[in-house]
């Protein structure tokens, strides 16, 4: 299962409007204090969704719209999206003091698979398509993290099952990997269980 921590994020106008929507949904939320990371995660996921669904619409364009005539339309979009994101956040994220530990064999397999994924010629395209499929299935929370985890797990399984062959080109074919991941995405959409172990850093 994936685990996560967060680096900073910055799109000030969009962040402001998104924070207002989060505060409406959770009035007691300390959005600029101890729980500011929630806002940062939401902003990152919103950017991912915008890039996946509106590839020709830049974040700057969205921010400009929030300050001009499109403001009400975009604010309505943020309202709907925020509700959907919070629902998925509560459904998919579980908190832990320490990130889960795997067996040494599993850790080595994942490390090898991650390296293979990073070196794939069309790895970015594979990840983008997986993210798109996840978002289309309603997984608007942590789609990039989930996508990478699904891909790495699939590669690890393929490498394990084909240790006696040197035909990595077939084993690591992006199209074949995507086809293998798609059923898992459909299965994921049917489950209402946590799949992300989050160690949330509150450094305020």
Protein backbone atom coordinates (compact mmCIF):
# COMPACT_ATOMS: atom_id res chain seq x y z
CA UNK A 1 0.00 0.00 0.00
CA UNK A 2 1.29 3.50 -0.75
CA UNK A 3 2.44 5.90 1.91
CA UNK A 4 2.93 9.62 1.58
CA UNK A 5 4.29 12.81 2.96
CA UNK A 6 4.05 16.21 1.33
CA UNK A 7 6.30 18.90 -0.03
CA UNK A 8 5.13 22.47 -0.43
CA UNK A 9 2.60 23.58 -3.04
CA UNK A 10 1.93 27.03 -4.42
CA UNK A 11 -0.89 28.45 -6.50
CA UNK A 12 -2.05 31.31 -4.27
CA UNK A 13 -5.37 32.27 -5.86
CA UNK A 14 -6.58 28.70 -6.30
CA UNK A 15 -5.30 27.83 -2.83
CA UNK A 16 -7.31 30.69 -1.33
CA UNK A 17 -10.59 29.63 -2.96
CA UNK A 18 -10.01 25.97 -2.22
CA UNK A 19 -9.29 26.76 1.43
CA UNK A 20 -12.62 28.58 1.66
CA UNK A 21 -14.45 25.54 0.30
CA UNK A 22 -12.66 23.23 2.74
CA UNK A 23 -13.58 25.53 5.64
CA UNK A 24 -17.22 25.49 4.56
CA UNK A 25 -17.20 21.69 4.57
CA UNK A 26 -15.24 21.41 7.85
CA UNK A 27 -15.82 24.64 9.85
CA UNK A 28 -13.55 23.53 12.71
CA UNK A 29 -10.62 22.92 10.36
CA UNK A 30 -7.42 24.74 11.33
CA UNK A 31 -6.59 25.25 7.66
CA UNK A 32 -3.63 27.59 8.17
CA UNK A 33 -2.38 25.95 11.35
CA UNK A 34 -1.92 22.38 12.44
CA UNK A 35 -4.01 21.01 9.56
CA UNK A 36 -2.55 23.08 6.74
CA UNK A 37 -1.17 19.94 5.06
CA UNK A 38 -4.73 18.92 4.21
CA UNK A 39 -5.01 22.03 2.06
CA UNK A 40 -1.67 21.31 0.40
CA UNK A 41 -2.70 17.75 -0.45
CA UNK A 42 -6.01 19.02 -1.83
CA UNK A 43 -4.24 21.64 -3.98
CA UNK A 44 -1.87 19.06 -5.43
CA UNK A 45 -4.73 16.69 -6.24
CA UNK A 46 -6.75 19.51 -7.78
CA UNK A 47 -3.83 20.37 -10.06
CA UNK A 48 -3.57 16.71 -11.06
CA UNK A 49 -7.29 16.56 -11.89
CA UNK A 50 -7.17 19.77 -13.90
CA UNK A 51 -4.18 18.57 -15.92
CA UNK A 52 -5.85 15.21 -16.56
CA UNK A 53 -9.25 16.58 -17.59
CA UNK A 54 -8.31 19.90 -19.19
CA UNK A 55 -4.90 19.36 -20.72
CA UNK A 56 -5.05 22.66 -22.61
CA UNK A 57 -6.09 24.69 -19.58
CA UNK A 58 -3.22 25.93 -17.45
CA UNK A 59 -3.38 26.48 -13.71
CA UNK A 60 -2.69 30.16 -14.41
CA UNK A 61 -5.78 30.27 -16.63
CA UNK A 62 -7.90 28.81 -13.82
CA UNK A 63 -6.53 31.33 -11.36
CA UNK A 64 -7.21 34.20 -13.75
CA UNK A 65 -10.78 32.94 -14.12
CA UNK A 66 -11.27 32.96 -10.37
CA UNK A 67 -10.49 36.68 -10.42
CA UNK A 68 -12.67 37.59 -13.41
CA UNK A 69 -16.04 36.95 -14.99
CA UNK A 70 -15.79 33.16 -14.77
CA UNK A 71 -15.51 33.35 -11.00
CA UNK A 72 -18.96 32.00 -10.11
CA UNK A 73 -18.70 29.08 -12.54
CA UNK A 74 -15.24 28.11 -11.29
CA UNK A 75 -16.24 28.53 -7.65
CA UNK A 76 -19.15 26.14 -8.27
CA UNK A 77 -16.73 23.66 -9.81
CA UNK A 78 -14.46 23.95 -6.76
CA UNK A 79 -17.42 23.40 -4.45
CA UNK A 80 -18.41 20.16 -6.20
CA UNK A 81 -14.81 18.97 -6.53
CA UNK A 82 -14.03 19.67 -2.87
CA UNK A 83 -16.98 17.56 -1.71
CA UNK A 84 -15.87 14.71 -3.95
CA UNK A 85 -12.24 15.01 -2.79
CA UNK A 86 -13.14 15.01 0.91
CA UNK A 87 -15.31 11.94 0.43
CA UNK A 88 -12.39 10.11 -1.17
CA UNK A 89 -9.95 11.44 1.43
CA UNK A 90 -12.04 9.96 4.24
CA UNK A 91 -12.47 6.75 2.30
CA UNK A 92 -8.90 6.16 1.14
CA UNK A 93 -6.55 7.71 3.70
CA UNK A 94 -5.57 6.18 7.01
CA UNK A 95 -3.17 7.81 9.46
CA UNK A 96 -0.22 6.14 11.13
CA UNK A 97 2.61 7.12 13.46
CA UNK A 98 5.08 5.21 11.29
CA UNK A 99 4.79 4.19 7.67
CA UNK A 100 4.19 0.44 7.20
CA UNK A 101 7.22 -1.83 6.92
CA UNK A 102 7.51 -4.53 4.28
CA UNK A 103 9.56 -7.70 4.25
CA UNK A 104 13.10 -7.36 2.92
CA UNK A 105 12.22 -9.44 -0.16
CA UNK A 106 9.19 -7.27 -0.91
CA UNK A 107 11.18 -4.07 -0.40
CA UNK A 108 13.88 -5.28 -2.77
CA UNK A 109 11.30 -6.29 -5.38
CA UNK A 110 9.64 -2.87 -5.20
CA UNK A 111 12.99 -1.09 -5.41
CA UNK A 112 13.91 -3.05 -8.54
CA UNK A 113 10.47 -2.47 -10.04
CA UNK A 114 10.58 1.27 -9.29
CA UNK A 115 13.98 1.54 -10.95
CA UNK A 116 12.66 -0.30 -14.02
CA UNK A 117 9.63 1.99 -14.14
CA UNK A 118 11.77 5.15 -13.92
CA UNK A 119 13.91 3.90 -16.81
CA UNK A 120 10.98 3.04 -19.11
CA UNK A 121 10.93 5.02 -22.33
CA UNK A 122 7.19 5.63 -22.05
CA UNK A 123 6.92 5.51 -18.28
CA UNK A 124 5.50 9.02 -17.96
CA UNK A 125 2.85 8.28 -20.58
CA UNK A 126 1.95 5.07 -18.75
CA UNK A 127 1.58 6.93 -15.47
CA UNK A 128 -0.44 9.75 -17.04
CA UNK A 129 -2.86 7.25 -18.60
CA UNK A 130 -3.20 5.40 -15.31
CA UNK A 131 -3.88 8.66 -13.47
CA UNK A 132 -6.49 9.55 -16.10
CA UNK A 133 -8.24 6.18 -15.65
CA UNK A 134 -8.22 6.58 -11.86
CA UNK A 135 -9.71 10.07 -12.03
CA UNK A 136 -12.33 8.91 -14.53
CA UNK A 137 -13.25 6.25 -11.94
CA UNK A 138 -13.70 8.91 -9.27
CA UNK A 139 -10.31 8.54 -7.56
CA UNK A 140 -9.59 12.26 -7.26
CA UNK A 141 -7.57 11.87 -4.06
CA UNK A 142 -3.89 10.90 -4.37
CA UNK A 143 -4.34 9.68 -7.96
CA UNK A 144 -0.64 10.08 -8.82
CA UNK A 145 0.49 8.14 -5.76
CA UNK A 146 -2.03 5.36 -6.37
CA UNK A 147 -1.11 5.18 -10.07
CA UNK A 148 2.58 4.79 -9.39
CA UNK A 149 1.92 2.17 -6.73
CA UNK A 150 -0.29 0.12 -9.09
CA UNK A 151 2.33 0.27 -11.83
CA UNK A 152 5.26 -0.60 -9.56
CA UNK A 153 3.38 -3.52 -8.00
CA UNK A 154 2.52 -4.85 -11.46
CA UNK A 155 6.13 -4.56 -12.62
CA UNK A 156 7.39 -6.26 -9.45
CA UNK A 157 4.99 -9.16 -10.04
CA UNK A 158 6.07 -9.47 -13.67
CA UNK A 159 9.76 -9.48 -12.80
CA UNK A 160 9.15 -12.10 -10.13
CA UNK A 161 7.19 -14.38 -12.47
CA UNK A 162 9.71 -14.05 -15.30
CA UNK A 163 13.04 -14.35 -13.49
CA UNK A 164 14.22 -17.00 -15.96
CA UNK A 165 13.72 -14.87 -19.04
CA UNK A 166 15.74 -11.92 -20.24
CA UNK A 167 12.98 -10.53 -22.43
CA UNK A 168 12.45 -7.37 -20.39
CA UNK A 169 11.08 -5.57 -23.45
CA UNK A 170 7.98 -7.77 -23.38
CA UNK A 171 7.72 -7.89 -19.58
CA UNK A 172 7.94 -4.10 -19.31
CA UNK A 173 5.79 -3.19 -22.30
CA UNK A 174 3.81 -0.10 -21.14
CA UNK A 175 0.66 -1.09 -23.04
CA UNK A 176 0.61 -4.58 -21.52
CA UNK A 177 1.18 -3.12 -18.05
CA UNK A 178 -1.69 -0.65 -18.52
CA UNK A 179 -4.02 -3.45 -19.62
CA UNK A 180 -3.08 -5.43 -16.51
CA UNK A 181 -3.63 -2.41 -14.23
CA UNK A 182 -7.07 -1.46 -15.61
CA UNK A 183 -8.96 -4.35 -13.94
CA UNK A 184 -7.38 -3.38 -10.61
CA UNK A 185 -8.63 0.16 -11.08
CA UNK A 186 -12.14 -1.15 -11.69
CA UNK A 187 -11.87 -3.34 -8.57
CA UNK A 188 -10.62 -0.36 -6.59
CA UNK A 189 -13.67 1.67 -7.55
CA UNK A 190 -15.88 -1.01 -5.97
CA UNK A 191 -14.09 -0.92 -2.61
CA UNK A 192 -14.61 1.66 0.11
CA UNK A 193 -11.45 0.94 2.08
CA UNK A 194 -8.31 2.88 3.02
CA UNK A 195 -5.37 2.23 0.71
CA UNK A 196 -3.04 5.12 1.60
CA UNK A 197 -1.01 5.14 4.80
CA UNK A 198 -0.29 8.76 5.58
CA UNK A 199 2.23 10.13 8.03
CA UNK A 200 1.14 13.73 8.27
CA UNK A 201 3.86 16.16 9.29
CA UNK A 202 2.54 19.06 11.38
CA UNK A 203 5.58 21.31 11.49
CA UNK A 204 3.93 24.45 12.84
